[in-house]
PDB file of N, CA and C in Angstrom:
ATOM      1  N   MET A   1      15.031 201.107  17.589  1.00  0.00           N
ATOM      2  CA  MET A   1      16.144 200.778  19.137  1.00  0.00           C
ATOM      3  C   MET A   1      14.721 199.967  19.657  1.00  0.00           C
ATOM      4  N   SER A   2      15.401 198.449  20.132  1.00  0.00           N
ATOM      5  CA  SER A   2      14.080 197.347  20.471  1.00  0.00           C
ATOM      6  C   SER A   2      13.959 197.528  22.100  1.00  0.00           C
ATOM      7  N   GLU A   3      13.022 197.601  22.392  1.00  0.00           N
ATOM      8  CA  GLU A   3      12.661 197.199  24.561  1.00  0.00           C
ATOM      9  C   GLU A   3      14.371 197.093  25.213  1.00  0.00           C
ATOM     10  N   ARG A   4      14.660 195.616  24.308  1.00  0.00           N
ATOM     11  CA  ARG A   4      15.971 194.607  24.960  1.00  0.00           C
ATOM     12  C   ARG A   4      16.766 195.440  25.243  1.00  0.00           C
ATOM     13  N   ASP A   5      16.994 196.233  23.894  1.00  0.00           N
ATOM     14  CA  ASP A   5      18.349 197.349  23.848  1.00  0.00           C
ATOM     15  C   ASP A   5      18.275 198.397  24.823  1.00  0.00           C
ATOM     16  N   ASN A   6      17.063 198.671  24.556  1.00  0.00           N
ATOM     17  CA  ASN A   6      16.672 200.024  25.867  1.00  0.00           C
ATOM     18  C   ASN A   6      16.997 199.739  26.949  1.00  0.00           C
ATOM     19  N   TYR A   7      16.642 198.606  27.918  1.00  0.00           N
ATOM     20  CA  TYR A   7      16.415 198.286  28.568  1.00  0.00           C
ATOM     21  C   TYR A   7      18.572 198.019  29.525  1.00  0.00           C
ATOM     22  N   ARG A   8      18.655 197.366  28.067  1.00  0.00           N
ATOM     23  CA  ARG A   8      20.263 196.874  28.293  1.00  0.00           C
ATOM     24  C   ARG A   8      21.068 198.536  28.731  1.00  0.00           C
ATOM     25  N   ARG A   9      21.616 199.291  28.044  1.00  0.00           N
ATOM     26  CA  ARG A   9      21.230 200.953  27.214  1.00  0.00           C
ATOM     27  C   ARG A   9      21.496 201.171  28.848  1.00  0.00           C
ATOM     28  N   ILE A  10      19.758 201.224  29.590  1.00  0.00           N
ATOM     29  CA  ILE A  10      19.866 201.466  31.366  1.00  0.00           C
ATOM     30  C   ILE A  10      20.262 201.362  32.006  1.00  0.00           C
ATOM     31  N   PHE A  11      19.939 199.861  32.390  1.00  0.00           N
ATOM     32  CA  PHE A  11      20.631 198.841  32.994  1.00  0.00           C
ATOM     33  C   PHE A  11      21.824 198.292  33.053  1.00  0.00           C
ATOM     34  N   GLY A  12      22.187 198.320  32.035  1.00  0.00           N
ATOM     35  CA  GLY A  12      23.246 197.626  31.422  1.00  0.00           C
ATOM     36  C   GLY A  12      22.818 195.886  31.345  1.00  0.00           C
ATOM     37  N   SER A  13      24.105 194.840  31.876  1.00  0.00           N
ATOM     38  CA  SER A  13      23.283 193.914  31.444  1.00  0.00           C
ATOM     39  C   SER A  13      22.870 193.551  32.706  1.00  0.00           C
ATOM     40  N   HIS A  14      22.853 194.156  33.958  1.00  0.00           N
ATOM     41  CA  HIS A  14      22.494 193.276  35.211  1.00  0.00           C
ATOM     42  C   HIS A  14      21.111 194.112  35.768  1.00  0.00           C
ATOM     43  N   PRO A  15      20.418 193.836  35.773  1.00  0.00           N
ATOM     44  CA  PRO A  15      18.782 193.930  36.106  1.00  0.00           C
ATOM     45  C   PRO A  15      19.460 194.700  37.957  1.00  0.00           C
ATOM     46  N   PRO A  16      17.903 195.527  37.683  1.00  0.00           N
ATOM     47  CA  PRO A  16      17.680 196.644  38.802  1.00  0.00           C
ATOM     48  C   PRO A  16      18.399 196.229  40.461  1.00  0.00           C
ATOM     49  N   LEU A  17      17.754 196.552  40.880  1.00  0.00           N
ATOM     50  CA  LEU A  17      18.252 195.869  42.861  1.00  0.00           C
ATOM     51  C   LEU A  17      17.055 196.366  42.737  1.00  0.00           C
ATOM     52  N   THR A  18      16.722 195.033  43.574  1.00  0.00           N
ATOM     53  CA  THR A  18      14.864 194.930  44.605  1.00  0.00           C
ATOM     54  C   THR A  18      15.816 194.694  45.735  1.00  0.00           C
ATOM     55  N   LEU A  19      15.367 196.262  46.608  1.00  0.00           N
ATOM     56  CA  LEU A  19      15.516 195.767  48.408  1.00  0.00           C
ATOM     57  C   LEU A  19      13.833 195.488  48.992  1.00  0.00           C
ATOM     58  N   HIS A  20      14.367 194.084  49.334  1.00  0.00           N
ATOM     59  CA  HIS A  20      13.090 194.209  51.014  1.00  0.00           C
ATOM     60  C   HIS A  20      13.603 194.374  52.218  1.00  0.00           C
ATOM     61  N   ILE A  21      12.906 194.934  52.614  1.00  0.00           N
ATOM     62  CA  ILE A  21      13.164 195.774  54.343  1.00  0.00           C
ATOM     63  C   ILE A  21      12.603 194.681  55.076  1.00  0.00           C
ATOM     64  N   LYS A  22      12.842 194.236  56.030  1.00  0.00           N
ATOM     65  CA  LYS A  22      12.240 193.512  56.902  1.00  0.00           C
ATOM     66  C   LYS A  22      12.733 194.532  58.408  1.00  0.00           C
ATOM     67  N   ARG A  23      11.310 194.069  58.896  1.00  0.00           N
ATOM     68  CA  ARG A  23      11.665 195.123  60.393  1.00  0.00           C
ATOM     69  C   ARG A  23      12.315 194.293  61.295  1.00  0.00           C
ATOM     70  N   LYS A  24      13.069 194.683  62.008  1.00  0.00           N
ATOM     71  CA  LYS A  24      13.407 194.196  63.201  1.00  0.00           C
ATOM     72  C   LYS A  24      12.257 193.843  64.571  1.00  0.00           C
ATOM     73  N   VAL A  25      12.082 194.831  65.246  1.00  0.00           N
ATOM     74  CA  VAL A  25      11.047 194.866  66.116  1.00  0.00           C
ATOM     75  C   VAL A  25      10.146 194.784  66.111  1.00  0.00           C
ATOM     76  N   GLU A  26       8.842 193.507  66.299  1.00  0.00           N
ATOM     77  CA  GLU A  26       7.675 192.963  65.718  1.00  0.00           C
ATOM     78  C   GLU A  26       7.071 194.329  66.664  1.00  0.00           C
ATOM     79  N   CYS A  27       5.478 195.334  65.831  1.00  0.00           N
ATOM     80  CA  CYS A  27       5.240 196.239  67.222  1.00  0.00           C
ATOM     81  C   CYS A  27       3.522 195.637  67.113  1.00  0.00           C
ATOM     82  N   GLU A  28       2.969 196.027  67.877  1.00  0.00           N
ATOM     83  CA  GLU A  28       1.461 195.759  67.729  1.00  0.00           C
ATOM     84  C   GLU A  28       0.810 196.733  67.042  1.00  0.00           C
ATOM     85  N   HIS A  29       1.071 197.137  66.074  1.00  0.00           N
ATOM     86  CA  HIS A  29       0.627 198.103  65.356  1.00  0.00           C
ATOM     87  C   HIS A  29      -0.517 198.940  65.672  1.00  0.00           C
ATOM     88  N   ASP A  30      -0.895 200.191  66.210  1.00  0.00           N
ATOM     89  CA  ASP A  30      -1.978 201.028  66.656  1.00  0.00           C
ATOM     90  C   ASP A  30      -1.905 202.457  65.692  1.00  0.00           C
ATOM     91  N   PHE A  31      -2.712 202.204  64.441  1.00  0.00           N
ATOM     92  CA  PHE A  31      -2.999 203.607  63.252  1.00  0.00           C
ATOM     93  C   PHE A  31      -3.504 204.364  64.267  1.00  0.00           C
ATOM     94  N   GLN A  32      -3.661 204.698  65.216  1.00  0.00           N
ATOM     95  CA  GLN A  32      -4.767 205.671  65.571  1.00  0.00           C
ATOM     96  C   GLN A  32      -4.346 207.674  65.298  1.00  0.00           C
ATOM     97  N   GLY A  33      -3.211 207.627  64.961  1.00  0.00           N
ATOM     98  CA  GLY A  33      -2.258 208.748  65.032  1.00  0.00           C
ATOM     99  C   GLY A  33      -2.219 209.489  63.568  1.00  0.00           C
ATOM    100  N   TRP A  34      -1.839 210.572  63.102  1.00  0.00           N
ATOM    101  CA  TRP A  34      -1.706 211.355  62.215  1.00  0.00           C
ATOM    102  C   TRP A  34      -0.943 211.774  61.959  1.00  0.00           C
ATOM    103  N   ARG A  35      -0.241 212.056  60.397  1.00  0.00           N
ATOM    104  CA  ARG A  35       0.753 212.371  59.846  1.00  0.00           C
ATOM    105  C   ARG A  35       0.844 213.370  58.976  1.00  0.00           C
ATOM    106  N   GLU A  36       0.907 214.705  58.617  1.00  0.00           N
ATOM    107  CA  GLU A  36       0.529 215.112  57.069  1.00  0.00           C
ATOM    108  C   GLU A  36       2.054 215.198  56.691  1.00  0.00           C
ATOM    109  N   PHE A  37       1.964 215.263  55.142  1.00  0.00           N
ATOM    110  CA  PHE A  37       2.949 215.575  54.226  1.00  0.00           C
ATOM    111  C   PHE A  37       3.329 216.519  54.181  1.00  0.00           C
ATOM    112  N   ASP A  38       4.797 216.820  53.674  1.00  0.00           N
ATOM    113  CA  ASP A  38       5.976 217.862  53.677  1.00  0.00           C
ATOM    114  C   ASP A  38       5.046 218.877  52.930  1.00  0.00           C
ATOM    115  N   ASP A  39       4.596 218.259  52.153  1.00  0.00           N
ATOM    116  CA  ASP A  39       4.350 218.978  50.337  1.00  0.00           C
ATOM    117  C   ASP A  39       3.062 219.565  51.021  1.00  0.00           C
ATOM    118  N   GLY A  40       2.398 219.314  51.717  1.00  0.00           N
ATOM    119  CA  GLY A  40       0.713 219.497  51.995  1.00  0.00           C
ATOM    120  C   GLY A  40      -0.199 218.984  51.386  1.00  0.00           C
ATOM    121  N   ARG A  41      -0.035 217.696  50.876  1.00  0.00           N
ATOM    122  CA  ARG A  41      -1.251 217.085  49.792  1.00  0.00           C
ATOM    123  C   ARG A  41      -1.427 215.999  50.821  1.00  0.00           C
ATOM    124  N   GLY A  42      -1.983 216.632  52.150  1.00  0.00           N
ATOM    125  CA  GLY A  42      -3.004 215.710  52.552  1.00  0.00           C
ATOM    126  C   GLY A  42      -1.559 214.798  54.194  1.00  0.00           C
ATOM    127  N   GLY A  43      -2.096 213.576  54.297  1.00  0.00           N
ATOM    128  CA  GLY A  43      -1.397 212.922  54.966  1.00  0.00           C
ATOM    129  C   GLY A  43      -2.045 211.445  55.232  1.00  0.00           C
ATOM    130  N   GLU A  44      -1.224 210.700  56.390  1.00  0.00           N
ATOM    131  CA  GLU A  44      -1.935 209.189  56.250  1.00  0.00           C
ATOM    132  C   GLU A  44      -1.643 208.965  58.137  1.00  0.00           C
ATOM    133  N   ARG A  45      -2.602 207.768  58.999  1.00  0.00           N
ATOM    134  CA  ARG A  45      -2.007 207.418  59.708  1.00  0.00           C
ATOM    135  C   ARG A  45      -0.963 206.914  60.310  1.00  0.00           C
ATOM    136  N   VAL A  46      -0.767 207.030  61.332  1.00  0.00           N
ATOM    137  CA  VAL A  46       0.607 206.414  61.437  1.00  0.00           C
ATOM    138  C   VAL A  46       0.145 205.504  63.035  1.00  0.00           C
ATOM    139  N   CYS A  47       1.707 204.558  62.723  1.00  0.00           N
ATOM    140  CA  CYS A  47       1.340 204.183  64.682  1.00  0.00           C
ATOM    141  C   CYS A  47       1.470 204.893  65.934  1.00  0.00           C
ATOM    142  N   THR A  48       0.567 204.868  66.631  1.00  0.00           N
ATOM    143  CA  THR A  48       1.143 205.818  68.089  1.00  0.00           C
ATOM    144  C   THR A  48       2.407 205.196  68.585  1.00  0.00           C
ATOM    145  N   LYS A  49       2.922 204.049  68.272  1.00  0.00           N
ATOM    146  CA  LYS A  49       3.935 203.056  69.108  1.00  0.00           C
ATOM    147  C   LYS A  49       5.054 203.660  68.048  1.00  0.00           C
ATOM    148  N   CYS A  50       5.264 202.672  67.048  1.00  0.00           N
ATOM    149  CA  CYS A  50       6.497 203.191  66.549  1.00  0.00           C
ATOM    150  C   CYS A  50       6.467 204.124  65.338  1.00  0.00           C
ATOM    151  N   GLY A  51       5.658 204.778  64.990  1.00  0.00           N
ATOM    152  CA  GLY A  51       6.011 206.078  64.044  1.00  0.00           C
ATOM    153  C   GLY A  51       5.254 205.241  63.090  1.00  0.00           C
ATOM    154  N   LEU A  52       4.891 204.147  61.910  1.00  0.00           N
ATOM    155  CA  LEU A  52       5.244 203.893  60.881  1.00  0.00           C
ATOM    156  C   LEU A  52       3.973 203.584  60.278  1.00  0.00           C
ATOM    157  N   GLY A  53       4.266 204.276  58.959  1.00  0.00           N
ATOM    158  CA  GLY A  53       2.954 205.200  58.468  1.00  0.00           C
ATOM    159  C   GLY A  53       1.836 203.759  57.827  1.00  0.00           C
ATOM    160  N   ALA A  54       0.938 204.151  57.829  1.00  0.00           N
ATOM    161  CA  ALA A  54      -0.587 203.069  57.216  1.00  0.00           C
ATOM    162  C   ALA A  54      -0.077 202.419  56.083  1.00  0.00           C
ATOM    163  N   MET A  55       0.118 203.203  55.251  1.00  0.00           N
ATOM    164  CA  MET A  55       0.486 202.961  53.361  1.00  0.00           C
ATOM    165  C   MET A  55       1.566 201.544  53.603  1.00  0.00           C
ATOM    166  N   ALA A  56       3.128 202.351  54.684  1.00  0.00           N
ATOM    167  CA  ALA A  56       4.260 201.460  54.724  1.00  0.00           C
ATOM    168  C   ALA A  56       3.274 200.091  54.641  1.00  0.00           C
ATOM    169  N   TYR A  57       2.942 200.238  55.482  1.00  0.00           N
ATOM    170  CA  TYR A  57       2.770 198.997  56.741  1.00  0.00           C
ATOM    171  C   TYR A  57       2.103 197.809  54.909  1.00  0.00           C
ATOM    172  N   THR A  58       1.179 198.814  54.675  1.00  0.00           N
ATOM    173  CA  THR A  58      -0.286 198.400  53.822  1.00  0.00           C
ATOM    174  C   THR A  58       0.727 197.142  52.710  1.00  0.00           C
ATOM    175  N   LEU A  59       2.120 198.338  52.512  1.00  0.00           N
ATOM    176  CA  LEU A  59       2.764 197.750  51.222  1.00  0.00           C
ATOM    177  C   LEU A  59       3.667 197.102  51.161  1.00  0.00           C
ATOM    178  N   SER A  60       4.307 196.316  52.433  1.00  0.00           N
ATOM    179  CA  SER A  60       4.865 195.498  53.300  1.00  0.00           C
ATOM    180  C   SER A  60       4.489 194.100  53.399  1.00  0.00           C
ATOM    181  N   LEU A  61       3.008 194.266  53.346  1.00  0.00           N
ATOM    182  CA  LEU A  61       2.162 192.824  52.883  1.00  0.00           C
ATOM    183  C   LEU A  61       2.138 192.243  51.903  1.00  0.00           C
ATOM    184  N   ASP A  62       2.865 192.982  50.972  1.00  0.00           N
ATOM    185  CA  ASP A  62       2.326 192.453  49.565  1.00  0.00           C
ATOM    186  C   ASP A  62       4.321 191.229  49.547  1.00  0.00           C
ATOM    187  N   ASP A  63       5.105 191.675  50.066  1.00  0.00           N
ATOM    188  CA  ASP A  63       5.762 190.502  50.291  1.00  0.00           C
ATOM    189  C   ASP A  63       5.930 189.107  51.156  1.00  0.00           C
ATOM    190  N   LEU A  64       4.744 189.477  51.601  1.00  0.00           N
ATOM    191  CA  LEU A  64       4.356 187.604  52.261  1.00  0.00           C
ATOM    192  C   LEU A  64       3.589 186.724  51.311  1.00  0.00           C
ATOM    193  N   PRO A  65       4.272 186.060  51.796  1.00  0.00           N
ATOM    194  CA  PRO A  65       4.636 184.377  51.180  1.00  0.00           C
ATOM    195  C   PRO A  65       2.432 184.410  50.638  1.00  0.00           C
TER     196      PRO A  65
END
């Protein structure tokens, strides 16, 4: 089976959905907080004002033109 056939088998004739989430309210982030992950494998810095994780914020910058 070719790669194209395998893709069509998994996704059909439509490409997978891509979601772009935009924040409604802009926050002047202050990443001084800390949140432990539920699985016990570390944590991440979080904004003390809105609770956004620093990793999620960094990944959202990839969507900028």
